Amino acid sequence: MPQMAPMPWIFLLMLTLTSLAMVSSIIYFSNQKESMKYASVKKNNFNLKW
């Protein structure tokens, strides 16, 4: 069965790619949330100043 040999490698590659995409999307969304919070805090400070 030489044709069935590369299948686990392809599956492993797909699994690692999907996990990397999930981790990067989670990091991206958390960074967006933090930047939004920072922007709102800056806006509040700006409003308090005036």
PDB file of N, CA and C in Angstrom:
ATOM      1  N   MET A   1       0.839  -1.197   0.000  1.00  0.00           N
ATOM      2  CA  MET A   1       0.000   0.000   0.000  1.00  0.00           C
ATOM      3  C   MET A   1       0.887   1.266   0.000  1.00  0.00           C
ATOM      4  N   PRO A   2       1.573   1.563  -1.069  1.00  0.00           N
ATOM      5  CA  PRO A   2       2.401   2.775  -1.066  1.00  0.00           C
ATOM      6  C   PRO A   2       1.578   4.057  -1.170  1.00  0.00           C
ATOM      7  N   GLN A   3       0.351   3.936  -1.716  1.00  0.00           N
ATOM      8  CA  GLN A   3      -0.477   5.133  -1.873  1.00  0.00           C
ATOM      9  C   GLN A   3      -1.027   5.631  -0.536  1.00  0.00           C
ATOM     10  N   MET A   4      -1.211   4.723   0.439  1.00  0.00           N
ATOM     11  CA  MET A   4      -1.808   5.114   1.706  1.00  0.00           C
ATOM     12  C   MET A   4      -0.783   5.711   2.669  1.00  0.00           C
ATOM     13  N   ALA A   5       0.500   5.683   2.318  1.00  0.00           N
ATOM     14  CA  ALA A   5       1.525   6.173   3.244  1.00  0.00           C
ATOM     15  C   ALA A   5       1.437   7.686   3.489  1.00  0.00           C
ATOM     16  N   PRO A   6       1.278   8.531   2.450  1.00  0.00           N
ATOM     17  CA  PRO A   6       1.294   9.970   2.720  1.00  0.00           C
ATOM     18  C   PRO A   6       0.025  10.520   3.375  1.00  0.00           C
ATOM     19  N   MET A   7      -1.012   9.678   3.482  1.00  0.00           N
ATOM     20  CA  MET A   7      -2.276  10.185   4.023  1.00  0.00           C
ATOM     21  C   MET A   7      -2.151  10.740   5.443  1.00  0.00           C
ATOM     22  N   PRO A   8      -1.533  10.042   6.390  1.00  0.00           N
ATOM     23  CA  PRO A   8      -1.423  10.614   7.743  1.00  0.00           C
ATOM     24  C   PRO A   8      -0.644  11.920   7.763  1.00  0.00           C
ATOM     25  N   TRP A   9       0.348  12.048   6.883  1.00  0.00           N
ATOM     26  CA  TRP A   9       1.109  13.297   6.847  1.00  0.00           C
ATOM     27  C   TRP A   9       0.230  14.439   6.371  1.00  0.00           C
ATOM     28  N   ILE A  10      -0.607  14.180   5.355  1.00  0.00           N
ATOM     29  CA  ILE A  10      -1.519  15.212   4.860  1.00  0.00           C
ATOM     30  C   ILE A  10      -2.518  15.578   5.955  1.00  0.00           C
ATOM     31  N   PHE A  11      -3.019  14.560   6.664  1.00  0.00           N
ATOM     32  CA  PHE A  11      -3.968  14.816   7.748  1.00  0.00           C
ATOM     33  C   PHE A  11      -3.309  15.627   8.853  1.00  0.00           C
ATOM     34  N   LEU A  12      -2.073  15.270   9.193  1.00  0.00           N
ATOM     35  CA  LEU A  12      -1.349  15.999  10.236  1.00  0.00           C
ATOM     36  C   LEU A  12      -1.092  17.437   9.800  1.00  0.00           C
ATOM     37  N   LEU A  13      -0.736  17.619   8.533  1.00  0.00           N
ATOM     38  CA  LEU A  13      -0.495  18.963   8.022  1.00  0.00           C
ATOM     39  C   LEU A  13      -1.766  19.801   8.082  1.00  0.00           C
ATOM     40  N   MET A  14      -2.897  19.213   7.672  1.00  0.00           N
ATOM     41  CA  MET A  14      -4.167  19.934   7.728  1.00  0.00           C
ATOM     42  C   MET A  14      -4.518  20.280   9.169  1.00  0.00           C
ATOM     43  N   LEU A  15      -4.288  19.336  10.079  1.00  0.00           N
ATOM     44  CA  LEU A  15      -4.602  19.571  11.487  1.00  0.00           C
ATOM     45  C   LEU A  15      -3.756  20.709  12.044  1.00  0.00           C
ATOM     46  N   THR A  16      -2.468  20.704  11.742  1.00  0.00           N
ATOM     47  CA  THR A  16      -1.607  21.774  12.250  1.00  0.00           C
ATOM     48  C   THR A  16      -1.990  23.119  11.637  1.00  0.00           C
ATOM     49  N   LEU A  17      -2.340  23.121  10.352  1.00  0.00           N
ATOM     50  CA  LEU A  17      -2.732  24.372   9.703  1.00  0.00           C
ATOM     51  C   LEU A  17      -4.008  24.926  10.320  1.00  0.00           C
ATOM     52  N   THR A  18      -4.991  24.044  10.579  1.00  0.00           N
ATOM     53  CA  THR A  18      -6.246  24.518  11.166  1.00  0.00           C
ATOM     54  C   THR A  18      -6.017  25.021  12.589  1.00  0.00           C
ATOM     55  N   SER A  19      -5.179  24.327  13.347  1.00  0.00           N
ATOM     56  CA  SER A  19      -4.908  24.778  14.720  1.00  0.00           C
ATOM     57  C   SER A  19      -4.176  26.113  14.698  1.00  0.00           C
ATOM     58  N   LEU A  20      -3.242  26.292  13.767  1.00  0.00           N
ATOM     59  CA  LEU A  20      -2.537  27.567  13.657  1.00  0.00           C
ATOM     60  C   LEU A  20      -3.508  28.681  13.285  1.00  0.00           C
ATOM     61  N   ALA A  21      -4.434  28.403  12.363  1.00  0.00           N
ATOM     62  CA  ALA A  21      -5.412  29.412  11.973  1.00  0.00           C
ATOM     63  C   ALA A  21      -6.304  29.778  13.153  1.00  0.00           C
ATOM     64  N   MET A  22      -6.726  28.775  13.936  1.00  0.00           N
ATOM     65  CA  MET A  22      -7.571  29.048  15.098  1.00  0.00           C
ATOM     66  C   MET A  22      -6.829  29.903  16.112  1.00  0.00           C
ATOM     67  N   VAL A  23      -5.577  29.551  16.404  1.00  0.00           N
ATOM     68  CA  VAL A  23      -4.800  30.307  17.391  1.00  0.00           C
ATOM     69  C   VAL A  23      -4.575  31.735  16.910  1.00  0.00           C
ATOM     70  N   SER A  24      -4.248  31.895  15.634  1.00  0.00           N
ATOM     71  CA  SER A  24      -3.991  33.240  15.121  1.00  0.00           C
ATOM     72  C   SER A  24      -5.267  34.075  15.129  1.00  0.00           C
ATOM     73  N   SER A  25      -6.416  33.458  14.816  1.00  0.00           N
ATOM     74  CA  SER A  25      -7.669  34.212  14.845  1.00  0.00           C
ATOM     75  C   SER A  25      -8.022  34.604  16.272  1.00  0.00           C
ATOM     76  N   ILE A  26      -7.777  33.711  17.242  1.00  0.00           N
ATOM     77  CA  ILE A  26      -8.058  34.040  18.643  1.00  0.00           C
ATOM     78  C   ILE A  26      -7.164  35.194  19.089  1.00  0.00           C
ATOM     79  N   ILE A  27      -5.887  35.147  18.729  1.00  0.00           N
ATOM     80  CA  ILE A  27      -4.964  36.228  19.102  1.00  0.00           C
ATOM     81  C   ILE A  27      -5.398  37.525  18.433  1.00  0.00           C
ATOM     82  N   TYR A  28      -5.813  37.449  17.151  1.00  0.00           N
ATOM     83  CA  TYR A  28      -6.220  38.645  16.422  1.00  0.00           C
ATOM     84  C   TYR A  28      -7.445  39.275  17.067  1.00  0.00           C
ATOM     85  N   PHE A  29      -8.439  38.432  17.435  1.00  0.00           N
ATOM     86  CA  PHE A  29      -9.657  38.968  18.034  1.00  0.00           C
ATOM     87  C   PHE A  29      -9.377  39.552  19.409  1.00  0.00           C
ATOM     88  N   SER A  30      -8.505  38.923  20.194  1.00  0.00           N
ATOM     89  CA  SER A  30      -8.185  39.463  21.517  1.00  0.00           C
ATOM     90  C   SER A  30      -7.438  40.788  21.373  1.00  0.00           C
ATOM     91  N   ASN A  31      -6.547  40.882  20.385  1.00  0.00           N
ATOM     92  CA  ASN A  31      -5.844  42.142  20.161  1.00  0.00           C
ATOM     93  C   ASN A  31      -6.819  43.225  19.717  1.00  0.00           C
ATOM     94  N   GLN A  32      -7.794  42.877  18.871  1.00  0.00           N
ATOM     95  CA  GLN A  32      -8.787  43.854  18.443  1.00  0.00           C
ATOM     96  C   GLN A  32      -9.594  44.342  19.634  1.00  0.00           C
ATOM     97  N   LYS A  33      -9.984  43.414  20.531  1.00  0.00           N
ATOM     98  CA  LYS A  33     -10.746  43.797  21.709  1.00  0.00           C
ATOM     99  C   LYS A  33      -9.932  44.746  22.585  1.00  0.00           C
ATOM    100  N   GLU A  34      -8.652  44.424  22.779  1.00  0.00           N
ATOM    101  CA  GLU A  34      -7.794  45.274  23.605  1.00  0.00           C
ATOM    102  C   GLU A  34      -7.638  46.653  22.969  1.00  0.00           C
ATOM    103  N   SER A  35      -7.443  46.714  21.656  1.00  0.00           N
ATOM    104  CA  SER A  35      -7.274  48.006  21.001  1.00  0.00           C
ATOM    105  C   SER A  35      -8.573  48.805  21.069  1.00  0.00           C
ATOM    106  N   MET A  36      -9.725  48.124  20.952  1.00  0.00           N
ATOM    107  CA  MET A  36     -10.997  48.830  21.071  1.00  0.00           C
ATOM    108  C   MET A  36     -11.158  49.390  22.479  1.00  0.00           C
ATOM    109  N   LYS A  37     -10.795  48.595  23.491  1.00  0.00           N
ATOM    110  CA  LYS A  37     -10.882  49.064  24.871  1.00  0.00           C
ATOM    111  C   LYS A  37      -9.957  50.265  25.067  1.00  0.00           C
ATOM    112  N   TYR A  38      -8.758  50.188  24.516  1.00  0.00           N
ATOM    113  CA  TYR A  38      -7.793  51.274  24.645  1.00  0.00           C
ATOM    114  C   TYR A  38      -8.321  52.536  23.963  1.00  0.00           C
ATOM    115  N   ALA A  39      -8.933  52.365  22.787  1.00  0.00           N
ATOM    116  CA  ALA A  39      -9.480  53.514  22.072  1.00  0.00           C
ATOM    117  C   ALA A  39     -10.627  54.133  22.865  1.00  0.00           C
ATOM    118  N   SER A  40     -11.482  53.318  23.463  1.00  0.00           N
ATOM    119  CA  SER A  40     -12.599  53.860  24.238  1.00  0.00           C
ATOM    120  C   SER A  40     -12.076  54.577  25.477  1.00  0.00           C
ATOM    121  N   VAL A  41     -11.042  54.035  26.109  1.00  0.00           N
ATOM    122  CA  VAL A  41     -10.466  54.705  27.284  1.00  0.00           C
ATOM    123  C   VAL A  41      -9.862  56.040  26.879  1.00  0.00           C
ATOM    124  N   LYS A  42      -9.163  56.061  25.743  1.00  0.00           N
ATOM    125  CA  LYS A  42      -8.582  57.318  25.273  1.00  0.00           C
ATOM    126  C   LYS A  42      -9.683  58.324  24.965  1.00  0.00           C
ATOM    127  N   LYS A  43     -10.776  57.857  24.357  1.00  0.00           N
ATOM    128  CA  LYS A  43     -11.881  58.754  24.040  1.00  0.00           C
ATOM    129  C   LYS A  43     -12.501  59.307  25.316  1.00  0.00           C
ATOM    130  N   ASN A  44     -12.650  58.460  26.338  1.00  0.00           N
ATOM    131  CA  ASN A  44     -13.213  58.917  27.598  1.00  0.00           C
ATOM    132  C   ASN A  44     -12.292  59.947  28.248  1.00  0.00           C
ATOM    133  N   ASN A  45     -10.998  59.715  28.215  1.00  0.00           N
ATOM    134  CA  ASN A  45     -10.066  60.688  28.777  1.00  0.00           C
ATOM    135  C   ASN A  45     -10.140  62.002  28.010  1.00  0.00           C
ATOM    136  N   PHE A  46     -10.288  61.917  26.711  1.00  0.00           N
ATOM    137  CA  PHE A  46     -10.392  63.121  25.888  1.00  0.00           C
ATOM    138  C   PHE A  46     -11.665  63.890  26.253  1.00  0.00           C
ATOM    139  N   ASN A  47     -12.768  63.164  26.443  1.00  0.00           N
ATOM    140  CA  ASN A  47     -14.021  63.822  26.813  1.00  0.00           C
ATOM    141  C   ASN A  47     -13.922  64.436  28.202  1.00  0.00           C
ATOM    142  N   LEU A  48     -13.230  63.760  29.118  1.00  0.00           N
ATOM    143  CA  LEU A  48     -13.090  64.303  30.467  1.00  0.00           C
ATOM    144  C   LEU A  48     -12.217  65.560  30.444  1.00  0.00           C
ATOM    145  N   LYS A  49     -11.232  65.583  29.571  1.00  0.00           N
ATOM    146  CA  LYS A  49     -10.345  66.744  29.502  1.00  0.00           C
ATOM    147  C   LYS A  49     -11.121  67.988  29.063  1.00  0.00           C
ATOM    148  N   TRP A  50     -12.028  67.805  28.133  1.00  0.00           N
ATOM    149  CA  TRP A  50     -12.770  68.959  27.624  1.00  0.00           C
ATOM    150  C   TRP A  50     -14.030  69.160  28.445  1.00  0.00           C
TER     151      TRP A  50
END
